[in-house]
Protein backbone atom coordinates (compact mmCIF):
# COMPACT_ATOMS: atom_id res chain seq x y z
CA MET A 1 148.33 60.86 -307.14
CA LYS A 2 149.46 57.30 -306.41
CA ALA A 3 148.64 55.37 -303.24
CA VAL A 4 148.59 51.82 -301.92
CA VAL A 5 145.30 50.71 -300.35
CA PRO A 6 145.84 50.25 -296.57
CA GLY A 7 144.38 47.38 -294.59
CA ALA A 8 141.76 49.66 -293.05
CA LEU A 9 140.18 50.13 -296.51
CA ASP A 10 140.35 46.48 -297.60
CA GLY A 11 137.03 45.48 -299.18
CA GLU A 12 135.70 49.03 -299.45
CA ARG A 13 134.20 50.49 -302.62
CA VAL A 14 136.75 52.24 -304.77
CA ASP A 15 134.84 55.53 -304.58
CA ARG A 16 135.00 55.53 -300.77
CA ALA A 17 138.67 54.51 -300.78
CA VAL A 18 139.60 57.33 -303.14
CA ALA A 19 137.47 59.80 -301.17
CA VAL A 20 139.28 58.82 -297.96
CA LEU A 21 142.74 59.00 -299.51
CA THR A 22 142.20 62.28 -301.37
CA GLY A 23 139.66 64.14 -299.25
CA LEU A 24 137.40 64.58 -302.28
CA PRO A 25 133.59 64.19 -301.97
CA ARG A 26 132.21 60.96 -303.43
CA SER A 27 130.26 62.88 -306.06
CA GLU A 28 133.53 64.25 -307.41
CA VAL A 29 135.15 60.82 -307.23
CA ALA A 30 132.24 59.43 -309.28
CA SER A 31 133.04 61.97 -311.99
CA LEU A 32 136.67 60.88 -311.94
CA VAL A 33 135.60 57.25 -312.44
CA ALA A 34 133.33 58.23 -315.33
CA GLY A 35 136.21 60.13 -316.92
CA GLY A 36 138.65 57.24 -316.65
CA ALA A 37 140.83 59.14 -314.18
CA ILE A 38 141.15 56.29 -311.66
CA ARG A 39 143.21 53.15 -312.26
CA ILE A 40 144.00 50.09 -310.20
CA GLY A 41 147.30 48.69 -311.36
CA ASP A 42 147.30 49.22 -315.10
CA ALA A 43 143.54 48.92 -315.57
CA PRO A 44 141.09 51.84 -315.52
CA VAL A 45 138.21 51.56 -313.05
CA SER A 46 134.85 51.47 -314.84
CA SER A 47 132.54 51.18 -311.83
CA ARG A 48 132.68 53.18 -308.62
CA SER A 49 131.20 50.21 -306.72
CA ARG A 50 134.21 48.03 -307.45
CA ARG A 51 135.83 46.75 -304.26
CA VAL A 52 139.48 47.38 -303.49
CA ALA A 53 141.88 45.09 -301.67
CA GLU A 54 144.74 45.82 -299.31
CA GLY A 55 147.88 46.39 -301.37
CA ASP A 56 146.08 47.52 -304.53
CA GLU A 57 147.98 50.31 -306.27
CA LEU A 58 145.64 53.22 -306.95
CA GLU A 59 146.43 55.94 -309.44
CA VAL A 60 144.18 59.00 -309.51
CA VAL A 61 144.47 61.89 -311.94
CA LEU A 62 143.26 64.74 -309.75
CA PRO A 63 141.60 67.88 -311.09
CA GLU A 64 143.68 71.01 -310.70
CA GLY A 65 143.70 72.26 -307.12
CA ALA A 66 142.11 69.08 -305.73
CA GLY A 67 143.54 66.83 -303.09
CA ALA A 68 144.74 69.58 -300.78
CA PRO A 69 145.19 68.28 -297.25
CA ASP A 70 142.12 68.56 -295.05
CA PRO A 71 143.12 70.45 -291.90
CA GLY A 72 140.64 68.34 -289.94
CA PRO A 73 138.55 69.31 -286.90
CA GLU A 74 139.83 71.68 -284.23
CA ALA A 75 140.06 70.83 -280.55
CA ASP A 76 137.10 71.96 -278.43
CA SER A 77 137.49 71.63 -274.67
CA SER A 78 133.82 72.52 -274.13
CA VAL A 79 132.80 69.03 -275.34
CA GLU A 80 132.83 66.78 -272.30
CA VAL A 81 134.28 63.31 -272.86
CA ALA A 82 133.79 60.48 -270.35
CA VAL A 83 136.96 58.39 -270.64
CA VAL A 84 136.78 54.98 -268.91
CA HIS A 85 140.23 53.80 -270.02
CA GLU A 86 143.31 55.33 -271.62
CA ASP A 87 146.82 54.17 -272.40
CA GLY A 88 149.43 54.95 -275.03
CA ASP A 89 147.61 52.95 -277.71
CA LEU A 90 143.91 53.56 -277.21
CA ILE A 91 141.06 55.28 -275.42
CA VAL A 92 137.70 53.81 -274.38
CA VAL A 93 134.89 56.36 -274.17
CA ASP A 94 131.41 56.19 -272.66
CA LYS A 95 129.46 58.37 -275.11
CA PRO A 96 126.27 60.10 -273.97
CA ALA A 97 123.17 60.12 -276.16
CA GLY A 98 122.87 63.23 -278.31
CA LEU A 99 126.59 63.55 -279.03
CA VAL A 100 127.68 63.01 -282.64
CA VAL A 101 130.89 60.98 -282.92
CA HIS A 102 132.61 62.89 -285.73
CA ALA A 103 132.04 65.80 -288.08
CA GLY A 104 129.88 65.30 -291.16
CA ALA A 105 127.00 66.86 -293.03
CA GLY A 106 125.14 69.11 -290.60
CA HIS A 107 127.61 68.51 -287.75
CA ARG A 108 130.81 70.50 -288.28
CA THR A 109 131.48 71.34 -284.64
CA GLY A 110 130.79 70.05 -281.15
CA THR A 111 131.39 66.35 -281.86
CA LEU A 112 133.08 63.69 -279.74
CA VAL A 113 136.17 64.00 -281.94
CA HIS A 114 136.42 67.74 -281.20
CA GLY A 115 136.36 66.98 -277.48
CA LEU A 116 138.86 64.14 -277.78
CA LEU A 117 141.34 66.34 -279.66
CA ALA A 118 141.32 68.83 -276.79
CA ARG A 119 142.43 66.09 -274.41
CA PHE A 120 144.45 63.91 -276.80
CA PRO A 121 145.96 66.14 -279.51
CA ASP A 122 148.04 63.22 -280.81
CA LEU A 123 144.85 61.77 -282.34
CA ALA A 124 144.98 64.26 -285.21
CA ALA A 125 147.34 62.09 -287.25
CA ILE A 126 145.50 58.77 -286.77
CA GLY A 127 142.98 57.07 -289.03
CA ALA A 128 143.69 55.96 -292.62
CA GLY A 129 143.71 59.49 -293.99
CA GLU A 130 140.23 60.39 -292.72
CA ALA A 131 140.95 63.79 -291.18
CA ALA A 132 137.37 64.29 -289.95
CA ARG A 133 137.41 61.14 -287.83
CA PRO A 134 140.93 60.72 -286.39
CA GLY A 135 141.36 57.52 -284.43
CA ILE A 136 137.71 56.49 -284.77
CA VAL A 137 137.61 52.71 -285.12
CA HIS A 138 133.83 52.28 -284.97
CA ARG A 139 130.90 54.58 -284.32
CA LEU A 140 127.69 54.92 -282.37
CA ASP A 141 124.64 56.77 -283.70
CA LYS A 142 123.93 60.20 -282.24
CA GLY A 143 121.00 58.88 -280.20
CA THR A 144 122.86 55.80 -278.94
CA SER A 145 124.83 55.91 -275.70
CA GLY A 146 127.63 53.70 -274.48
CA LEU A 147 131.11 52.38 -275.13
CA LEU A 148 133.42 52.78 -278.11
CA VAL A 149 137.17 52.47 -278.61
CA VAL A 150 139.43 55.09 -280.22
CA ALA A 151 142.98 54.39 -281.44
CA ARG A 152 145.91 56.64 -280.47
CA THR A 153 148.53 55.19 -282.83
CA ALA A 154 148.49 54.11 -286.47
CA SER A 155 149.42 50.53 -285.54
CA ALA A 156 146.65 50.35 -282.93
CA TYR A 157 144.17 51.68 -285.47
CA GLU A 158 145.12 49.03 -288.03
CA ASP A 159 144.99 46.27 -285.41
CA LEU A 160 141.60 47.26 -284.02
CA VAL A 161 140.08 47.64 -287.50
CA GLU A 162 141.40 44.17 -288.32
CA GLN A 163 139.86 42.79 -285.11
CA LEU A 164 136.54 44.26 -286.18
CA ARG A 165 136.90 42.63 -289.58
CA ARG A 166 137.65 39.27 -287.93
CA ARG A 167 134.75 39.76 -285.52
CA ALA A 168 137.11 39.56 -282.56
CA VAL A 169 135.60 42.68 -280.97
CA GLU A 170 132.60 41.90 -278.77
CA ARG A 171 129.93 44.63 -278.78
CA VAL A 172 126.86 44.11 -276.62
CA TYR A 173 123.84 46.43 -276.55
CA VAL A 174 120.80 46.68 -274.31
CA THR A 175 117.61 47.76 -276.04
CA LEU A 176 113.90 47.99 -275.32
CA VAL A 177 111.73 47.02 -278.27
CA CYS A 178 108.06 47.33 -279.09
CA GLY A 179 105.89 44.25 -278.64
CA ARG A 180 106.39 40.88 -276.97
CA VAL A 181 109.35 38.92 -278.33
CA ASP A 182 108.27 35.32 -277.76
CA ALA A 183 111.46 33.43 -278.64
CA PRO A 184 113.96 33.51 -275.74
CA ALA A 185 116.82 34.11 -278.17
CA GLY A 186 117.47 34.37 -281.87
CA LEU A 187 119.74 35.37 -284.73
CA ILE A 188 118.81 37.97 -287.34
CA ASP A 189 120.86 37.27 -290.45
CA ALA A 190 119.81 39.76 -293.12
CA PRO A 191 121.85 42.10 -295.36
CA VAL A 192 121.62 45.82 -294.64
CA GLY A 193 122.02 48.60 -297.20
CA ARG A 194 120.74 52.03 -298.20
CA GLY A 195 116.99 52.27 -298.66
CA VAL A 196 115.80 52.56 -302.27
CA ARG A 197 113.16 55.22 -301.61
CA ASP A 198 115.15 57.12 -299.00
CA PRO A 199 118.96 56.72 -299.12
CA THR A 200 119.29 58.36 -295.69
CA ARG A 201 117.54 55.34 -294.17
CA MET A 202 119.03 51.87 -293.98
CA ALA A 203 116.98 48.79 -294.77
CA VAL A 204 117.13 45.03 -295.10
CA THR A 205 117.84 44.62 -298.79
CA ALA A 206 119.16 41.86 -301.03
CA GLY A 207 121.89 44.17 -302.33
CA GLY A 208 123.11 45.17 -298.87
CA LYS A 209 126.14 44.05 -296.88
CA GLU A 210 126.11 40.94 -294.71
CA ALA A 211 124.69 41.76 -291.28
CA ARG A 212 124.15 39.48 -288.27
CA THR A 213 122.64 40.37 -284.89
CA ARG A 214 122.11 37.89 -282.06
CA TYR A 215 119.58 38.73 -279.37
CA ARG A 216 118.40 37.36 -276.05
CA VAL A 217 115.28 38.38 -274.13
CA GLU A 218 116.11 39.77 -270.69
CA ALA A 219 112.58 40.75 -269.61
CA ARG A 220 109.06 41.24 -270.95
CA PHE A 221 106.56 43.89 -269.86
CA SER A 222 102.87 44.33 -270.57
CA GLU A 223 102.05 47.76 -269.11
CA PRO A 224 101.55 50.48 -270.25
CA VAL A 225 102.17 48.70 -273.58
CA PRO A 226 103.81 45.36 -274.45
CA VAL A 227 107.59 45.77 -274.74
CA SER A 228 110.63 43.50 -274.40
CA LEU A 229 114.09 44.17 -273.00
CA LEU A 230 116.80 42.57 -275.16
CA GLU A 231 120.52 42.05 -275.09
CA CYS A 232 121.96 42.22 -278.62
CA ARG A 233 125.40 41.12 -279.81
CA LEU A 234 126.78 42.42 -283.08
CA GLU A 235 128.57 39.97 -285.33
CA THR A 236 128.90 42.69 -287.97
CA GLY A 237 128.80 46.48 -287.70
CA ARG A 238 126.57 48.01 -290.34
CA THR A 239 125.06 51.47 -290.06
CA HIS A 240 121.91 51.38 -287.85
CA GLN A 241 122.21 47.57 -287.80
CA VAL A 242 120.43 46.82 -284.51
CA ARG A 243 117.67 49.33 -285.23
CA VAL A 244 117.07 48.08 -288.78
CA HIS A 245 117.20 44.39 -287.88
CA LEU A 246 114.78 44.68 -284.98
CA ALA A 247 112.36 46.80 -287.00
CA ALA A 248 112.54 44.20 -289.78
CA ILE A 249 111.28 41.44 -287.45
CA GLY A 250 108.43 43.65 -286.23
CA HIS A 251 110.02 44.87 -282.99
CA PRO A 252 111.41 48.39 -283.55
CA VAL A 253 113.50 50.02 -280.84
CA VAL A 254 111.38 52.11 -278.46
CA GLY A 255 111.89 55.82 -279.12
CA ASP A 256 113.33 55.30 -282.60
CA THR A 257 111.51 57.85 -284.74
CA ARG A 258 113.30 56.80 -287.94
CA TYR A 259 112.37 53.13 -287.77
CA ARG A 260 108.79 53.20 -286.42
CA GLY A 261 109.61 52.83 -282.72
CA VAL A 262 107.53 55.69 -281.31
CA ARG A 263 104.82 54.74 -278.80
CA THR A 264 102.79 57.58 -277.30
CA GLN A 265 102.52 55.74 -273.97
CA LEU A 266 106.32 55.73 -273.59
CA VAL A 267 108.03 59.12 -273.58
CA LEU A 268 111.69 58.95 -274.59
CA GLY A 269 113.61 61.53 -276.56
CA ARG A 270 115.92 59.04 -278.29
CA PRO A 271 116.15 55.35 -279.20
CA PHE A 272 116.38 53.02 -276.20
CA LEU A 273 119.77 51.65 -277.26
CA HIS A 274 122.89 51.50 -275.10
CA ALA A 275 126.29 49.93 -275.86
CA THR A 276 126.71 48.28 -272.49
CA ARG A 277 129.73 45.98 -272.98
CA LEU A 278 132.84 46.15 -275.16
CA SER A 279 135.80 43.77 -275.27
CA PHE A 280 138.79 43.33 -277.56
CA ASP A 281 142.46 42.33 -277.55
CA HIS A 282 144.91 45.08 -276.68
CA PRO A 283 146.77 45.85 -279.92
CA THR A 284 150.20 45.87 -278.23
CA THR A 285 150.04 43.48 -275.27
CA GLY A 286 147.42 41.07 -276.63
CA GLU A 287 145.61 41.17 -273.28
CA ARG A 288 141.86 40.80 -273.53
CA LEU A 289 140.25 44.01 -272.29
CA ALA A 290 136.61 44.18 -271.22
CA PHE A 291 134.53 47.20 -270.25
CA SER A 292 130.95 47.72 -269.13
CA SER A 293 128.63 50.71 -268.85
CA PRO A 294 125.40 50.81 -266.82
CA LEU A 295 122.17 52.09 -268.31
CA PRO A 296 122.05 55.90 -268.21
CA ASP A 297 119.42 57.61 -266.10
CA ASP A 298 116.91 58.32 -268.88
CA LEU A 299 116.72 54.66 -269.88
CA GLN A 300 116.70 53.41 -266.29
CA THR A 301 113.85 55.80 -265.46
CA LEU A 302 111.73 54.50 -268.31
CA LEU A 303 112.39 50.89 -267.29
CA SER A 304 111.23 51.64 -263.74
CA GLU A 305 107.84 52.76 -265.11
CA LEU A 306 107.14 49.40 -266.81
CA ARG A 307 105.21 46.51 -265.28
């Protein structure tokens, strides 16, 4: 198989790029690298962590029977999708907490993508060859609520991914964190990568990817326990970035069981994290679009109990 690396995969590891383009699991791609079955240009790839660039010519010798097209997820009209904007190029969704964005390990059905396909079947062909996540430009964790944009055309997808890369997409979150944050505002600039002891957890690590989160204190509370309400702006978009960064400075997100944010005095079944504002340039018209989402009831209820 021969393929040219698209802009959406620029800077990605070669194992992920090949996995996306072929549909093979990364473990199988790693075996292909070890066997010299992947080349960039005329040179064999010796490390699966090598980064690819847009325009690189990939050649992959696939094992027999591999590389068959992934049929992708099926539409499921039972998954409710709150659409706040739609046009011929994109969709903006207000995702509820508890809904997984796209299919993956342990979540093969009932995702946001399944619901979107029922309403927008044209999405099936969008997204740099990633059949499981058609049109998905960026993601929100299962427990995080709020706004995200989905592309409806290949050109819109490429444009929005490029805006993310250039940090032209503004993503603002509201979060409640444990403890009193004394500084009125700050910047957390610390690389984020897979944890050494537990790869399913992210962590601040020297070998991670660049990650920057700006925050501003909106309110402080002392009862029933000290907590602070923050507004956070992402300058990068790493997995679990806000949660990992805030935990790293000693202020984990309230309700975040994975990153030490549980407080028995505050009952919340998910992390207090909501993507409240989203803005970007329309990929066709160039108009700056801005959207906002109020705090959902569960988070607003908890806030009302603080003093």
